[in-house]
Amino acid sequence: MSKRVSASDAKNNFGGLLEDVALLGRVDVMKHGRLVAVVLSPWALNSFSAAPAGAGSRRAWGEKHMIPPERARAARMLNRPDSFDEE
């Protein structure tokens, strides 16, 4: 079961949108009568995607982390400046 909400309602009531996603698993966001976004719970996402081949006992993506581990690792490795120039 899914629910449809307008983009402005999703923006103005984001907390309510998250509650609906947690309850229903899926919420479709509409703008001017067109589907522009689909918000899925992690459990609904896992039902759409199969576990990667050879994953063994590894958890499926989305159960524990919101982004794939490779991207999370890359984000932590960004170069930060040692100091900032003050003028």
N, C-alpha and C. Protein backbone atom coordinates (compact mmCIF):
# COMPACT_ATOMS: atom_id res chain seq x y z
N MET A 1 0.84 -1.17 0.00
CA MET A 1 0.00 0.00 0.00
C MET A 1 0.90 1.24 0.00
N SER A 2 0.52 2.25 -0.77
CA SER A 2 1.29 3.49 -0.79
C SER A 2 0.33 4.67 -0.67
N LYS A 3 0.91 5.82 -0.46
CA LYS A 3 0.13 7.04 -0.29
C LYS A 3 0.70 8.08 -1.25
N ARG A 4 -0.14 8.97 -1.74
CA ARG A 4 0.30 10.06 -2.60
C ARG A 4 0.13 11.37 -1.86
N VAL A 5 1.18 12.19 -1.90
CA VAL A 5 1.12 13.52 -1.30
C VAL A 5 1.67 14.53 -2.30
N SER A 6 1.26 15.77 -2.17
CA SER A 6 1.79 16.81 -3.05
C SER A 6 3.19 17.19 -2.57
N ALA A 7 3.97 17.75 -3.48
CA ALA A 7 5.34 18.15 -3.13
C ALA A 7 5.33 19.22 -2.05
N SER A 8 4.39 20.15 -2.11
CA SER A 8 4.34 21.20 -1.09
C SER A 8 3.95 20.63 0.27
N ASP A 9 3.03 19.66 0.29
CA ASP A 9 2.68 19.01 1.57
C ASP A 9 3.86 18.23 2.13
N ALA A 10 4.62 17.57 1.24
CA ALA A 10 5.80 16.81 1.69
C ALA A 10 6.82 17.76 2.31
N LYS A 11 7.00 18.93 1.68
CA LYS A 11 7.97 19.90 2.18
C LYS A 11 7.51 20.50 3.50
N ASN A 12 6.24 20.88 3.57
CA ASN A 12 5.73 21.57 4.76
C ASN A 12 5.51 20.64 5.95
N ASN A 13 5.35 19.35 5.68
CA ASN A 13 5.10 18.40 6.75
C ASN A 13 6.03 17.20 6.61
N PHE A 14 7.34 17.48 6.62
CA PHE A 14 8.32 16.42 6.40
C PHE A 14 8.26 15.35 7.49
N GLY A 15 8.05 15.75 8.72
CA GLY A 15 7.94 14.77 9.81
C GLY A 15 6.79 13.82 9.59
N GLY A 16 5.66 14.34 9.14
CA GLY A 16 4.51 13.50 8.83
C GLY A 16 4.79 12.58 7.66
N LEU A 17 5.53 13.07 6.67
CA LEU A 17 5.93 12.24 5.53
C LEU A 17 6.74 11.04 6.01
N LEU A 18 7.70 11.29 6.90
CA LEU A 18 8.53 10.20 7.42
C LEU A 18 7.71 9.20 8.22
N GLU A 19 6.73 9.68 8.97
CA GLU A 19 5.85 8.76 9.72
C GLU A 19 5.06 7.89 8.76
N ASP A 20 4.55 8.49 7.67
CA ASP A 20 3.80 7.71 6.68
C ASP A 20 4.69 6.67 6.01
N VAL A 21 5.93 7.04 5.71
CA VAL A 21 6.86 6.09 5.09
C VAL A 21 7.14 4.93 6.04
N ALA A 22 7.35 5.24 7.31
CA ALA A 22 7.61 4.19 8.29
C ALA A 22 6.40 3.25 8.42
N LEU A 23 5.21 3.81 8.34
CA LEU A 23 3.99 3.02 8.49
C LEU A 23 3.65 2.23 7.23
N LEU A 24 3.73 2.89 6.08
CA LEU A 24 3.27 2.29 4.83
C LEU A 24 4.38 1.66 3.99
N GLY A 25 5.62 2.13 4.17
CA GLY A 25 6.72 1.61 3.39
C GLY A 25 7.02 2.41 2.14
N ARG A 26 6.02 3.15 1.62
CA ARG A 26 6.22 3.91 0.38
C ARG A 26 5.27 5.10 0.35
N VAL A 27 5.79 6.25 -0.07
CA VAL A 27 4.97 7.44 -0.30
C VAL A 27 5.39 8.04 -1.63
N ASP A 28 4.42 8.28 -2.50
CA ASP A 28 4.67 8.90 -3.80
C ASP A 28 4.47 10.41 -3.65
N VAL A 29 5.41 11.19 -4.16
CA VAL A 29 5.32 12.65 -4.09
C VAL A 29 4.96 13.16 -5.48
N MET A 30 3.86 13.91 -5.55
CA MET A 30 3.32 14.39 -6.82
C MET A 30 3.51 15.90 -6.93
N LYS A 31 3.79 16.37 -8.14
CA LYS A 31 3.89 17.81 -8.41
C LYS A 31 3.18 18.08 -9.72
N HIS A 32 2.16 18.91 -9.67
CA HIS A 32 1.35 19.24 -10.85
C HIS A 32 0.81 17.97 -11.51
N GLY A 33 0.40 17.01 -10.68
CA GLY A 33 -0.20 15.78 -11.20
C GLY A 33 0.79 14.75 -11.72
N ARG A 34 2.08 15.03 -11.62
CA ARG A 34 3.11 14.08 -12.07
C ARG A 34 3.86 13.51 -10.89
N LEU A 35 4.24 12.25 -11.00
CA LEU A 35 5.06 11.62 -9.98
C LEU A 35 6.48 12.15 -10.11
N VAL A 36 7.00 12.79 -9.04
CA VAL A 36 8.34 13.36 -9.09
C VAL A 36 9.31 12.67 -8.14
N ALA A 37 8.79 11.95 -7.14
CA ALA A 37 9.68 11.27 -6.20
C ALA A 37 8.92 10.13 -5.53
N VAL A 38 9.69 9.14 -5.10
CA VAL A 38 9.16 8.03 -4.32
C VAL A 38 10.04 7.91 -3.09
N VAL A 39 9.44 7.94 -1.91
CA VAL A 39 10.18 7.81 -0.66
C VAL A 39 9.89 6.42 -0.12
N LEU A 40 10.98 5.64 0.08
CA LEU A 40 10.84 4.25 0.54
C LEU A 40 11.48 4.06 1.89
N SER A 41 10.90 3.18 2.68
CA SER A 41 11.53 2.76 3.93
C SER A 41 12.66 1.79 3.56
N PRO A 42 13.62 1.59 4.46
CA PRO A 42 14.70 0.62 4.17
C PRO A 42 14.17 -0.78 3.88
N TRP A 43 13.11 -1.18 4.54
CA TRP A 43 12.56 -2.52 4.34
C TRP A 43 11.92 -2.63 2.96
N ALA A 44 11.23 -1.58 2.52
CA ALA A 44 10.65 -1.60 1.18
C ALA A 44 11.75 -1.59 0.13
N LEU A 45 12.81 -0.85 0.37
CA LEU A 45 13.93 -0.81 -0.56
C LEU A 45 14.54 -2.20 -0.72
N ASN A 46 14.71 -2.91 0.38
CA ASN A 46 15.30 -4.25 0.33
C ASN A 46 14.40 -5.23 -0.41
N SER A 47 13.11 -5.00 -0.38
CA SER A 47 12.22 -5.91 -1.10
C SER A 47 12.32 -5.70 -2.61
N PHE A 48 12.76 -4.50 -3.04
CA PHE A 48 12.93 -4.22 -4.46
C PHE A 48 14.27 -4.72 -4.98
N SER A 49 15.29 -4.71 -4.13
CA SER A 49 16.63 -5.09 -4.59
C SER A 49 17.07 -6.37 -3.92
N ALA A 50 17.74 -7.21 -4.67
CA ALA A 50 18.26 -8.46 -4.11
C ALA A 50 19.64 -8.20 -3.53
N ALA A 51 20.05 -9.05 -2.62
CA ALA A 51 21.40 -8.93 -2.05
C ALA A 51 22.42 -9.18 -3.15
N PRO A 52 23.56 -8.47 -3.12
CA PRO A 52 24.58 -8.67 -4.16
C PRO A 52 25.12 -10.10 -4.16
N ALA A 53 25.48 -10.57 -5.33
CA ALA A 53 26.02 -11.92 -5.44
C ALA A 53 27.32 -12.03 -4.67
N GLY A 54 27.48 -13.11 -3.94
CA GLY A 54 28.71 -13.33 -3.18
C GLY A 54 28.78 -12.53 -1.90
N ALA A 55 27.68 -11.96 -1.46
CA ALA A 55 27.70 -11.13 -0.26
C ALA A 55 27.81 -11.98 0.99
N GLY A 56 27.45 -13.24 0.91
CA GLY A 56 27.54 -14.11 2.07
C GLY A 56 26.61 -13.66 3.17
N SER A 57 27.16 -13.47 4.39
CA SER A 57 26.33 -13.09 5.52
C SER A 57 26.21 -11.58 5.66
N ARG A 58 26.77 -10.83 4.69
CA ARG A 58 26.69 -9.37 4.76
C ARG A 58 25.25 -8.91 4.68
N ARG A 59 24.90 -7.88 5.42
CA ARG A 59 23.55 -7.35 5.36
C ARG A 59 23.32 -6.67 4.02
N ALA A 60 22.08 -6.68 3.58
CA ALA A 60 21.74 -5.98 2.35
C ALA A 60 21.86 -4.48 2.57
N TRP A 61 22.25 -3.76 1.53
CA TRP A 61 22.40 -2.31 1.62
C TRP A 61 21.08 -1.69 2.04
N GLY A 62 21.11 -0.73 2.94
CA GLY A 62 19.91 -0.03 3.37
C GLY A 62 19.43 -0.47 4.73
N GLU A 63 19.79 -1.66 5.20
CA GLU A 63 19.34 -2.09 6.51
C GLU A 63 20.07 -1.35 7.62
N LYS A 64 21.36 -1.14 7.43
CA LYS A 64 22.15 -0.53 8.48
C LYS A 64 22.60 0.87 8.10
N HIS A 65 22.98 1.07 6.85
CA HIS A 65 23.52 2.35 6.40
C HIS A 65 22.60 2.95 5.34
N MET A 66 22.60 4.27 5.28
CA MET A 66 21.79 4.94 4.29
C MET A 66 22.50 5.05 2.94
N ILE A 67 23.82 4.99 2.92
CA ILE A 67 24.57 5.03 1.67
C ILE A 67 25.47 3.81 1.60
N PRO A 68 25.83 3.39 0.38
CA PRO A 68 26.70 2.22 0.26
C PRO A 68 28.04 2.44 0.95
N PRO A 69 28.63 1.40 1.53
CA PRO A 69 29.88 1.54 2.28
C PRO A 69 31.02 2.16 1.48
N GLU A 70 31.09 1.87 0.16
CA GLU A 70 32.17 2.42 -0.65
C GLU A 70 32.09 3.94 -0.69
N ARG A 71 30.88 4.47 -0.81
CA ARG A 71 30.71 5.92 -0.87
C ARG A 71 30.95 6.56 0.50
N ALA A 72 30.55 5.90 1.55
CA ALA A 72 30.79 6.43 2.89
C ALA A 72 32.29 6.52 3.16
N ARG A 73 33.02 5.49 2.76
CA ARG A 73 34.46 5.48 2.93
C ARG A 73 35.11 6.61 2.13
N ALA A 74 34.66 6.81 0.90
CA ALA A 74 35.21 7.87 0.05
C ALA A 74 34.92 9.24 0.65
N ALA A 75 33.75 9.43 1.24
CA ALA A 75 33.40 10.72 1.84
C ALA A 75 34.28 11.03 3.04
N ARG A 76 34.68 10.02 3.81
CA ARG A 76 35.54 10.24 4.97
C ARG A 76 36.97 10.57 4.55
N MET A 77 37.34 10.24 3.32
CA MET A 77 38.71 10.42 2.88
C MET A 77 38.95 11.76 2.19
N LEU A 78 37.99 12.68 2.25
CA LEU A 78 38.16 13.99 1.63
C LEU A 78 39.32 14.73 2.27
N ASN A 79 40.10 15.43 1.47
CA ASN A 79 41.22 16.22 1.97
C ASN A 79 40.71 17.50 2.61
N ARG A 80 41.09 17.72 3.83
CA ARG A 80 40.72 18.94 4.53
C ARG A 80 41.94 19.84 4.60
N PRO A 81 41.76 21.15 4.49
CA PRO A 81 42.92 22.04 4.58
C PRO A 81 43.51 22.02 5.98
N ASP A 82 44.86 22.13 6.05
CA ASP A 82 45.54 22.16 7.35
C ASP A 82 45.22 23.44 8.11
N SER A 83 45.12 24.53 7.37
CA SER A 83 44.78 25.81 8.00
C SER A 83 44.08 26.68 6.98
N PHE A 84 43.43 27.71 7.47
CA PHE A 84 42.74 28.64 6.61
C PHE A 84 43.55 29.94 6.56
N ASP A 85 43.66 30.50 5.38
CA ASP A 85 44.36 31.78 5.23
C ASP A 85 43.45 32.90 5.74
N GLU A 86 43.99 33.72 6.58
CA GLU A 86 43.23 34.87 7.08
C GLU A 86 43.82 36.12 6.48
N GLU A 87 42.99 36.94 5.90
CA GLU A 87 43.47 38.18 5.31
C GLU A 87 42.91 39.36 6.00
